[in-house]
PDB file of N, CA and C in Angstrom:
ATOM      1  N   UNK A   1    -178.295 -29.714  61.111  1.00  0.00           N
ATOM      2  CA  UNK A   1    -179.304 -30.722  61.194  1.00  0.00           C
ATOM      3  C   UNK A   1    -178.630 -32.254  61.595  1.00  0.00           C
ATOM      4  N   UNK A   2    -178.792 -32.873  62.515  1.00  0.00           N
ATOM      5  CA  UNK A   2    -178.046 -34.339  62.684  1.00  0.00           C
ATOM      6  C   UNK A   2    -179.105 -35.274  62.317  1.00  0.00           C
ATOM      7  N   UNK A   3    -178.469 -36.390  61.666  1.00  0.00           N
ATOM      8  CA  UNK A   3    -179.251 -37.490  61.335  1.00  0.00           C
ATOM      9  C   UNK A   3    -179.617 -38.265  62.477  1.00  0.00           C
ATOM     10  N   UNK A   4    -180.616 -39.095  62.300  1.00  0.00           N
ATOM     11  CA  UNK A   4    -181.330 -39.711  63.418  1.00  0.00           C
ATOM     12  C   UNK A   4    -180.351 -41.110  63.503  1.00  0.00           C
ATOM     13  N   UNK A   5    -179.733 -41.413  62.436  1.00  0.00           N
ATOM     14  CA  UNK A   5    -178.917 -42.639  62.551  1.00  0.00           C
ATOM     15  C   UNK A   5    -177.449 -42.440  62.967  1.00  0.00           C
ATOM     16  N   UNK A   6    -177.151 -41.155  63.550  1.00  0.00           N
ATOM     17  CA  UNK A   6    -175.750 -40.954  64.007  1.00  0.00           C
ATOM     18  C   UNK A   6    -175.499 -41.745  65.226  1.00  0.00           C
ATOM     19  N   UNK A   7    -176.391 -41.847  66.232  1.00  0.00           N
ATOM     20  CA  UNK A   7    -176.041 -42.555  67.511  1.00  0.00           C
ATOM     21  C   UNK A   7    -175.916 -44.042  67.105  1.00  0.00           C
ATOM     22  N   UNK A   8    -176.929 -44.760  66.349  1.00  0.00           N
ATOM     23  CA  UNK A   8    -176.641 -46.121  66.110  1.00  0.00           C
ATOM     24  C   UNK A   8    -175.448 -46.491  65.378  1.00  0.00           C
ATOM     25  N   UNK A   9    -175.142 -45.446  64.407  1.00  0.00           N
ATOM     26  CA  UNK A   9    -173.702 -45.617  63.518  1.00  0.00           C
ATOM     27  C   UNK A   9    -172.604 -45.629  64.540  1.00  0.00           C
ATOM     28  N   UNK A  10    -172.555 -44.635  65.422  1.00  0.00           N
ATOM     29  CA  UNK A  10    -171.576 -44.534  66.391  1.00  0.00           C
ATOM     30  C   UNK A  10    -171.321 -45.704  67.183  1.00  0.00           C
ATOM     31  N   UNK A  11    -172.357 -46.372  67.698  1.00  0.00           N
ATOM     32  CA  UNK A  11    -172.411 -47.591  68.431  1.00  0.00           C
ATOM     33  C   UNK A  11    -171.817 -48.702  67.749  1.00  0.00           C
ATOM     34  N   UNK A  12    -172.357 -48.896  66.355  1.00  0.00           N
ATOM     35  CA  UNK A  12    -171.616 -49.820  65.516  1.00  0.00           C
ATOM     36  C   UNK A  12    -170.278 -49.627  65.257  1.00  0.00           C
ATOM     37  N   UNK A  13    -169.897 -48.363  65.142  1.00  0.00           N
ATOM     38  CA  UNK A  13    -168.475 -48.356  64.863  1.00  0.00           C
ATOM     39  C   UNK A  13    -167.700 -48.547  66.090  1.00  0.00           C
ATOM     40  N   UNK A  14    -168.209 -48.358  67.347  1.00  0.00           N
ATOM     41  CA  UNK A  14    -167.407 -48.560  68.700  1.00  0.00           C
ATOM     42  C   UNK A  14    -167.359 -50.218  68.707  1.00  0.00           C
ATOM     43  N   UNK A  15    -168.453 -50.876  68.245  1.00  0.00           N
ATOM     44  CA  UNK A  15    -168.388 -52.420  68.258  1.00  0.00           C
ATOM     45  C   UNK A  15    -167.337 -52.859  67.278  1.00  0.00           C
ATOM     46  N   UNK A  16    -167.315 -52.282  66.247  1.00  0.00           N
ATOM     47  CA  UNK A  16    -166.225 -52.639  65.327  1.00  0.00           C
ATOM     48  C   UNK A  16    -164.877 -52.523  65.749  1.00  0.00           C
ATOM     49  N   UNK A  17    -164.670 -51.300  66.439  1.00  0.00           N
ATOM     50  CA  UNK A  17    -163.335 -51.265  67.016  1.00  0.00           C
ATOM     51  C   UNK A  17    -162.895 -52.175  68.006  1.00  0.00           C
ATOM     52  N   UNK A  18    -163.875 -52.478  68.779  1.00  0.00           N
ATOM     53  CA  UNK A  18    -163.786 -53.350  69.846  1.00  0.00           C
ATOM     54  C   UNK A  18    -163.412 -54.970  69.353  1.00  0.00           C
ATOM     55  N   UNK A  19    -164.025 -54.964  68.254  1.00  0.00           N
ATOM     56  CA  UNK A  19    -163.864 -56.553  67.427  1.00  0.00           C
ATOM     57  C   UNK A  19    -162.519 -56.316  66.900  1.00  0.00           C
ATOM     58  N   UNK A  20    -161.937 -55.396  66.355  1.00  0.00           N
ATOM     59  CA  UNK A  20    -160.602 -55.336  65.931  1.00  0.00           C
ATOM     60  C   UNK A  20    -159.588 -55.358  66.598  1.00  0.00           C
ATOM     61  N   UNK A  21    -159.850 -54.832  67.878  1.00  0.00           N
ATOM     62  CA  UNK A  21    -158.969 -54.920  69.126  1.00  0.00           C
ATOM     63  C   UNK A  21    -158.761 -56.222  69.891  1.00  0.00           C
ATOM     64  N   UNK A  22    -159.945 -57.002  69.835  1.00  0.00           N
ATOM     65  CA  UNK A  22    -159.884 -58.149  70.640  1.00  0.00           C
ATOM     66  C   UNK A  22    -158.590 -59.100  70.319  1.00  0.00           C
ATOM     67  N   UNK A  23    -158.394 -59.420  68.886  1.00  0.00           N
ATOM     68  CA  UNK A  23    -157.272 -60.237  68.675  1.00  0.00           C
ATOM     69  C   UNK A  23    -155.992 -59.787  69.069  1.00  0.00           C
ATOM     70  N   UNK A  24    -155.885 -58.296  69.019  1.00  0.00           N
ATOM     71  CA  UNK A  24    -154.484 -57.708  69.443  1.00  0.00           C
ATOM     72  C   UNK A  24    -154.369 -57.787  71.006  1.00  0.00           C
ATOM     73  N   UNK A  25    -155.508 -57.766  71.680  1.00  0.00           N
ATOM     74  CA  UNK A  25    -155.328 -57.830  73.184  1.00  0.00           C
ATOM     75  C   UNK A  25    -155.006 -59.324  73.513  1.00  0.00           C
ATOM     76  N   UNK A  26    -155.406 -60.237  72.732  1.00  0.00           N
ATOM     77  CA  UNK A  26    -155.218 -61.653  73.064  1.00  0.00           C
ATOM     78  C   UNK A  26    -153.678 -61.933  72.746  1.00  0.00           C
ATOM     79  N   UNK A  27    -153.132 -61.458  71.786  1.00  0.00           N
ATOM     80  CA  UNK A  27    -151.593 -61.568  71.227  1.00  0.00           C
ATOM     81  C   UNK A  27    -150.824 -60.953  72.499  1.00  0.00           C
ATOM     82  N   UNK A  28    -151.182 -59.763  72.919  1.00  0.00           N
ATOM     83  CA  UNK A  28    -150.628 -59.111  73.693  1.00  0.00           C
ATOM     84  C   UNK A  28    -150.529 -59.812  75.132  1.00  0.00           C
ATOM     85  N   UNK A  29    -151.729 -60.409  75.404  1.00  0.00           N
ATOM     86  CA  UNK A  29    -151.752 -61.197  76.778  1.00  0.00           C
ATOM     87  C   UNK A  29    -150.812 -62.301  76.714  1.00  0.00           C
ATOM     88  N   UNK A  30    -150.628 -63.081  75.562  1.00  0.00           N
ATOM     89  CA  UNK A  30    -149.715 -64.013  75.452  1.00  0.00           C
ATOM     90  C   UNK A  30    -148.312 -63.682  75.758  1.00  0.00           C
ATOM     91  N   UNK A  31    -148.008 -62.418  75.014  1.00  0.00           N
ATOM     92  CA  UNK A  31    -146.714 -61.854  75.116  1.00  0.00           C
ATOM     93  C   UNK A  31    -146.400 -61.747  76.618  1.00  0.00           C
ATOM     94  N   UNK A  32    -147.375 -61.129  77.299  1.00  0.00           N
ATOM     95  CA  UNK A  32    -147.208 -60.637  78.701  1.00  0.00           C
ATOM     96  C   UNK A  32    -146.827 -61.845  79.547  1.00  0.00           C
ATOM     97  N   UNK A  33    -147.697 -62.980  79.260  1.00  0.00           N
ATOM     98  CA  UNK A  33    -147.384 -64.271  79.940  1.00  0.00           C
ATOM     99  C   UNK A  33    -146.073 -65.055  79.489  1.00  0.00           C
ATOM    100  N   UNK A  34    -145.579 -64.867  78.215  1.00  0.00           N
ATOM    101  CA  UNK A  34    -144.523 -65.375  77.828  1.00  0.00           C
ATOM    102  C   UNK A  34    -143.163 -64.823  78.560  1.00  0.00           C
ATOM    103  N   UNK A  35    -143.266 -63.622  78.652  1.00  0.00           N
ATOM    104  CA  UNK A  35    -141.954 -62.824  79.125  1.00  0.00           C
ATOM    105  C   UNK A  35    -142.183 -62.454  80.745  1.00  0.00           C
ATOM    106  N   UNK A  36    -143.441 -62.987  81.376  1.00  0.00           N
ATOM    107  CA  UNK A  36    -143.733 -62.793  82.768  1.00  0.00           C
ATOM    108  C   UNK A  36    -143.577 -61.231  83.427  1.00  0.00           C
ATOM    109  N   UNK A  37    -144.183 -60.213  82.453  1.00  0.00           N
ATOM    110  CA  UNK A  37    -144.137 -59.038  82.804  1.00  0.00           C
ATOM    111  C   UNK A  37    -144.606 -58.551  83.995  1.00  0.00           C
ATOM    112  N   UNK A  38    -144.250 -57.478  84.800  1.00  0.00           N
ATOM    113  CA  UNK A  38    -144.847 -57.010  86.087  1.00  0.00           C
ATOM    114  C   UNK A  38    -146.158 -56.411  85.786  1.00  0.00           C
ATOM    115  N   UNK A  39    -147.163 -56.368  86.430  1.00  0.00           N
ATOM    116  CA  UNK A  39    -148.434 -55.755  86.450  1.00  0.00           C
ATOM    117  C   UNK A  39    -148.273 -54.265  85.861  1.00  0.00           C
ATOM    118  N   UNK A  40    -147.409 -53.409  86.554  1.00  0.00           N
ATOM    119  CA  UNK A  40    -147.393 -52.018  86.211  1.00  0.00           C
ATOM    120  C   UNK A  40    -146.769 -51.991  84.675  1.00  0.00           C
ATOM    121  N   UNK A  41    -145.933 -52.766  84.212  1.00  0.00           N
ATOM    122  CA  UNK A  41    -145.511 -52.779  82.838  1.00  0.00           C
ATOM    123  C   UNK A  41    -146.549 -53.143  81.710  1.00  0.00           C
ATOM    124  N   UNK A  42    -147.394 -54.228  82.336  1.00  0.00           N
ATOM    125  CA  UNK A  42    -148.539 -54.557  81.402  1.00  0.00           C
ATOM    126  C   UNK A  42    -149.482 -53.582  81.407  1.00  0.00           C
ATOM    127  N   UNK A  43    -149.986 -52.689  82.417  1.00  0.00           N
ATOM    128  CA  UNK A  43    -150.952 -51.660  82.312  1.00  0.00           C
ATOM    129  C   UNK A  43    -150.314 -50.485  81.515  1.00  0.00           C
ATOM    130  N   UNK A  44    -148.861 -50.272  81.597  1.00  0.00           N
ATOM    131  CA  UNK A  44    -148.220 -49.081  80.776  1.00  0.00           C
ATOM    132  C   UNK A  44    -148.377 -49.624  79.229  1.00  0.00           C
ATOM    133  N   UNK A  45    -148.245 -50.947  78.835  1.00  0.00           N
ATOM    134  CA  UNK A  45    -148.164 -51.279  77.471  1.00  0.00           C
ATOM    135  C   UNK A  45    -149.621 -51.327  76.991  1.00  0.00           C
ATOM    136  N   UNK A  46    -150.676 -51.770  77.764  1.00  0.00           N
ATOM    137  CA  UNK A  46    -152.095 -51.842  77.346  1.00  0.00           C
ATOM    138  C   UNK A  46    -152.438 -50.431  77.144  1.00  0.00           C
ATOM    139  N   UNK A  47    -152.213 -49.436  78.030  1.00  0.00           N
ATOM    140  CA  UNK A  47    -152.566 -48.143  77.683  1.00  0.00           C
ATOM    141  C   UNK A  47    -152.014 -47.688  76.591  1.00  0.00           C
ATOM    142  N   UNK A  48    -150.679 -47.897  76.234  1.00  0.00           N
ATOM    143  CA  UNK A  48    -150.209 -47.341  75.086  1.00  0.00           C
ATOM    144  C   UNK A  48    -150.738 -47.882  73.709  1.00  0.00           C
ATOM    145  N   UNK A  49    -151.175 -49.216  73.618  1.00  0.00           N
ATOM    146  CA  UNK A  49    -151.698 -49.858  72.598  1.00  0.00           C
ATOM    147  C   UNK A  49    -153.122 -49.326  72.623  1.00  0.00           C
ATOM    148  N   UNK A  50    -153.714 -48.981  73.366  1.00  0.00           N
ATOM    149  CA  UNK A  50    -155.054 -48.383  73.337  1.00  0.00           C
ATOM    150  C   UNK A  50    -155.078 -47.171  73.012  1.00  0.00           C
ATOM    151  N   UNK A  51    -154.200 -46.153  73.192  1.00  0.00           N
ATOM    152  CA  UNK A  51    -154.155 -45.001  72.847  1.00  0.00           C
ATOM    153  C   UNK A  51    -153.929 -44.865  71.409  1.00  0.00           C
ATOM    154  N   UNK A  52    -152.919 -45.613  70.895  1.00  0.00           N
ATOM    155  CA  UNK A  52    -152.420 -45.650  69.515  1.00  0.00           C
ATOM    156  C   UNK A  52    -153.631 -46.140  68.770  1.00  0.00           C
ATOM    157  N   UNK A  53    -154.366 -47.146  69.050  1.00  0.00           N
ATOM    158  CA  UNK A  53    -155.386 -47.795  68.474  1.00  0.00           C
ATOM    159  C   UNK A  53    -156.649 -46.657  68.403  1.00  0.00           C
ATOM    160  N   UNK A  54    -156.857 -46.010  69.431  1.00  0.00           N
ATOM    161  CA  UNK A  54    -157.914 -44.977  69.335  1.00  0.00           C
ATOM    162  C   UNK A  54    -157.563 -43.755  68.621  1.00  0.00           C
ATOM    163  N   UNK A  55    -156.180 -43.576  68.293  1.00  0.00           N
ATOM    164  CA  UNK A  55    -155.763 -42.369  67.418  1.00  0.00           C
ATOM    165  C   UNK A  55    -155.702 -42.883  66.014  1.00  0.00           C
ATOM    166  N   UNK A  56    -156.204 -43.896  65.841  1.00  0.00           N
ATOM    167  CA  UNK A  56    -156.079 -44.438  64.479  1.00  0.00           C
ATOM    168  C   UNK A  56    -154.868 -45.095  63.805  1.00  0.00           C
ATOM    169  N   UNK A  57    -153.673 -45.146  64.691  1.00  0.00           N
ATOM    170  CA  UNK A  57    -152.537 -45.683  64.414  1.00  0.00           C
ATOM    171  C   UNK A  57    -152.634 -47.262  64.061  1.00  0.00           C
ATOM    172  N   UNK A  58    -151.697 -47.785  63.333  1.00  0.00           N
ATOM    173  CA  UNK A  58    -151.760 -49.159  63.193  1.00  0.00           C
ATOM    174  C   UNK A  58    -151.041 -49.594  64.402  1.00  0.00           C
ATOM    175  N   UNK A  59    -151.515 -50.776  64.896  1.00  0.00           N
ATOM    176  CA  UNK A  59    -150.945 -51.271  66.097  1.00  0.00           C
ATOM    177  C   UNK A  59    -150.306 -52.857  65.548  1.00  0.00           C
ATOM    178  N   UNK A  60    -148.965 -53.061  65.517  1.00  0.00           N
ATOM    179  CA  UNK A  60    -148.459 -54.179  65.174  1.00  0.00           C
ATOM    180  C   UNK A  60    -148.114 -54.932  66.473  1.00  0.00           C
ATOM    181  N   UNK A  61    -148.733 -55.793  66.878  1.00  0.00           N
ATOM    182  CA  UNK A  61    -148.701 -56.551  68.028  1.00  0.00           C
ATOM    183  C   UNK A  61    -147.394 -57.680  68.030  1.00  0.00           C
ATOM    184  N   UNK A  62    -147.280 -58.063  66.589  1.00  0.00           N
ATOM    185  CA  UNK A  62    -146.327 -58.973  66.414  1.00  0.00           C
ATOM    186  C   UNK A  62    -144.744 -58.263  66.582  1.00  0.00           C
ATOM    187  N   UNK A  63    -144.617 -57.201  66.708  1.00  0.00           N
ATOM    188  CA  UNK A  63    -143.500 -56.306  66.904  1.00  0.00           C
ATOM    189  C   UNK A  63    -143.855 -55.144  67.820  1.00  0.00           C
ATOM    190  N   UNK A  64    -143.993 -55.289  69.037  1.00  0.00           N
ATOM    191  CA  UNK A  64    -144.654 -54.213  70.003  1.00  0.00           C
ATOM    192  C   UNK A  64    -143.611 -53.245  70.344  1.00  0.00           C
ATOM    193  N   UNK A  65    -142.339 -53.510  70.602  1.00  0.00           N
ATOM    194  CA  UNK A  65    -141.235 -52.845  71.373  1.00  0.00           C
ATOM    195  C   UNK A  65    -141.072 -51.343  70.598  1.00  0.00           C
ATOM    196  N   UNK A  66    -140.793 -51.545  69.211  1.00  0.00           N
ATOM    197  CA  UNK A  66    -140.349 -50.280  68.602  1.00  0.00           C
ATOM    198  C   UNK A  66    -141.388 -48.950  68.475  1.00  0.00           C
ATOM    199  N   UNK A  67    -142.789 -49.304  68.864  1.00  0.00           N
ATOM    200  CA  UNK A  67    -143.802 -48.400  68.708  1.00  0.00           C
ATOM    201  C   UNK A  67    -144.064 -47.767  70.180  1.00  0.00           C
ATOM    202  N   UNK A  68    -143.470 -48.236  71.064  1.00  0.00           N
ATOM    203  CA  UNK A  68    -143.519 -47.740  72.518  1.00  0.00           C
ATOM    204  C   UNK A  68    -142.520 -46.387  72.694  1.00  0.00           C
ATOM    205  N   UNK A  69    -142.931 -45.541  73.838  1.00  0.00           N
ATOM    206  CA  UNK A  69    -141.927 -44.523  74.119  1.00  0.00           C
ATOM    207  C   UNK A  69    -140.775 -45.141  74.684  1.00  0.00           C
ATOM    208  N   UNK A  70    -139.534 -44.520  74.648  1.00  0.00           N
ATOM    209  CA  UNK A  70    -138.109 -44.857  74.850  1.00  0.00           C
ATOM    210  C   UNK A  70    -138.051 -45.536  76.338  1.00  0.00           C
ATOM    211  N   UNK A  71    -138.730 -44.813  77.190  1.00  0.00           N
ATOM    212  CA  UNK A  71    -138.458 -45.296  78.680  1.00  0.00           C
ATOM    213  C   UNK A  71    -139.141 -46.713  78.721  1.00  0.00           C
ATOM    214  N   UNK A  72    -140.339 -46.791  78.107  1.00  0.00           N
ATOM    215  CA  UNK A  72    -140.991 -48.170  78.193  1.00  0.00           C
ATOM    216  C   UNK A  72    -140.288 -49.328  77.498  1.00  0.00           C
ATOM    217  N   UNK A  73    -139.627 -48.934  76.401  1.00  0.00           N
ATOM    218  CA  UNK A  73    -138.896 -49.885  75.358  1.00  0.00           C
ATOM    219  C   UNK A  73    -137.707 -50.407  76.429  1.00  0.00           C
ATOM    220  N   UNK A  74    -136.969 -49.408  77.253  1.00  0.00           N
ATOM    221  CA  UNK A  74    -135.842 -49.742  78.094  1.00  0.00           C
ATOM    222  C   UNK A  74    -136.393 -50.515  79.174  1.00  0.00           C
ATOM    223  N   UNK A  75    -137.364 -50.320  79.724  1.00  0.00           N
ATOM    224  CA  UNK A  75    -138.097 -51.294  80.877  1.00  0.00           C
ATOM    225  C   UNK A  75    -138.284 -52.606  80.322  1.00  0.00           C
ATOM    226  N   UNK A  76    -138.800 -52.649  79.281  1.00  0.00           N
ATOM    227  CA  UNK A  76    -139.124 -54.028  78.746  1.00  0.00           C
ATOM    228  C   UNK A  76    -137.806 -54.946  78.406  1.00  0.00           C
ATOM    229  N   UNK A  77    -136.884 -54.161  77.678  1.00  0.00           N
ATOM    230  CA  UNK A  77    -135.783 -54.693  77.368  1.00  0.00           C
ATOM    231  C   UNK A  77    -134.904 -55.227  78.528  1.00  0.00           C
ATOM    232  N   UNK A  78    -134.915 -54.422  79.444  1.00  0.00           N
ATOM    233  CA  UNK A  78    -134.182 -54.625  80.908  1.00  0.00           C
ATOM    234  C   UNK A  78    -134.864 -55.944  81.461  1.00  0.00           C
ATOM    235  N   UNK A  79    -136.054 -55.905  81.442  1.00  0.00           N
ATOM    236  CA  UNK A  79    -136.858 -56.954  82.171  1.00  0.00           C
ATOM    237  C   UNK A  79    -136.624 -58.489  81.451  1.00  0.00           C
ATOM    238  N   UNK A  80    -136.563 -58.405  79.978  1.00  0.00           N
ATOM    239  CA  UNK A  80    -136.561 -59.563  79.291  1.00  0.00           C
ATOM    240  C   UNK A  80    -135.132 -59.903  79.330  1.00  0.00           C
ATOM    241  N   UNK A  81    -134.124 -59.120  79.098  1.00  0.00           N
ATOM    242  CA  UNK A  81    -132.775 -59.370  79.251  1.00  0.00           C
ATOM    243  C   UNK A  81    -132.271 -59.946  80.578  1.00  0.00           C
ATOM    244  N   UNK A  82    -132.827 -59.473  81.586  1.00  0.00           N
ATOM    245  CA  UNK A  82    -132.342 -59.729  82.880  1.00  0.00           C
ATOM    246  C   UNK A  82    -132.875 -61.152  83.118  1.00  0.00           C
ATOM    247  N   UNK A  83    -134.134 -61.489  82.863  1.00  0.00           N
ATOM    248  CA  UNK A  83    -134.535 -62.730  83.105  1.00  0.00           C
ATOM    249  C   UNK A  83    -133.743 -63.919  82.166  1.00  0.00           C
ATOM    250  N   UNK A  84    -133.352 -63.469  80.922  1.00  0.00           N
ATOM    251  CA  UNK A  84    -132.491 -64.516  80.306  1.00  0.00           C
ATOM    252  C   UNK A  84    -131.267 -64.751  80.919  1.00  0.00           C
ATOM    253  N   UNK A  85    -130.510 -63.489  81.454  1.00  0.00           N
ATOM    254  CA  UNK A  85    -129.133 -63.773  82.121  1.00  0.00           C
ATOM    255  C   UNK A  85    -129.528 -64.541  83.436  1.00  0.00           C
ATOM    256  N   UNK A  86    -130.497 -64.501  83.965  1.00  0.00           N
ATOM    257  CA  UNK A  86    -130.766 -65.223  85.424  1.00  0.00           C
ATOM    258  C   UNK A  86    -130.748 -66.565  85.036  1.00  0.00           C
ATOM    259  N   UNK A  87    -131.277 -67.025  83.893  1.00  0.00           N
ATOM    260  CA  UNK A  87    -131.453 -68.540  83.510  1.00  0.00           C
ATOM    261  C   UNK A  87    -130.147 -69.260  83.240  1.00  0.00           C
TER     262      UNK A  87
END
């Protein structure tokens, strides 16, 4: 037997998740702008953050790089370091 409150509870939980994710999204967007990341890299990073958040893992947006797959870490580091060398 299912409770009749399960649907509203699920909706409430979804709203709570979105509210917890919003500040993380804003910080990530500032990070994207600061380092002028390409759109493909932005979408990969965002997808990774959302996946980890949905799985219930903690997402530390203050130090994003160590939590990413190795390939994405290398791409980010290459992009940031190359821009610094060009300056």
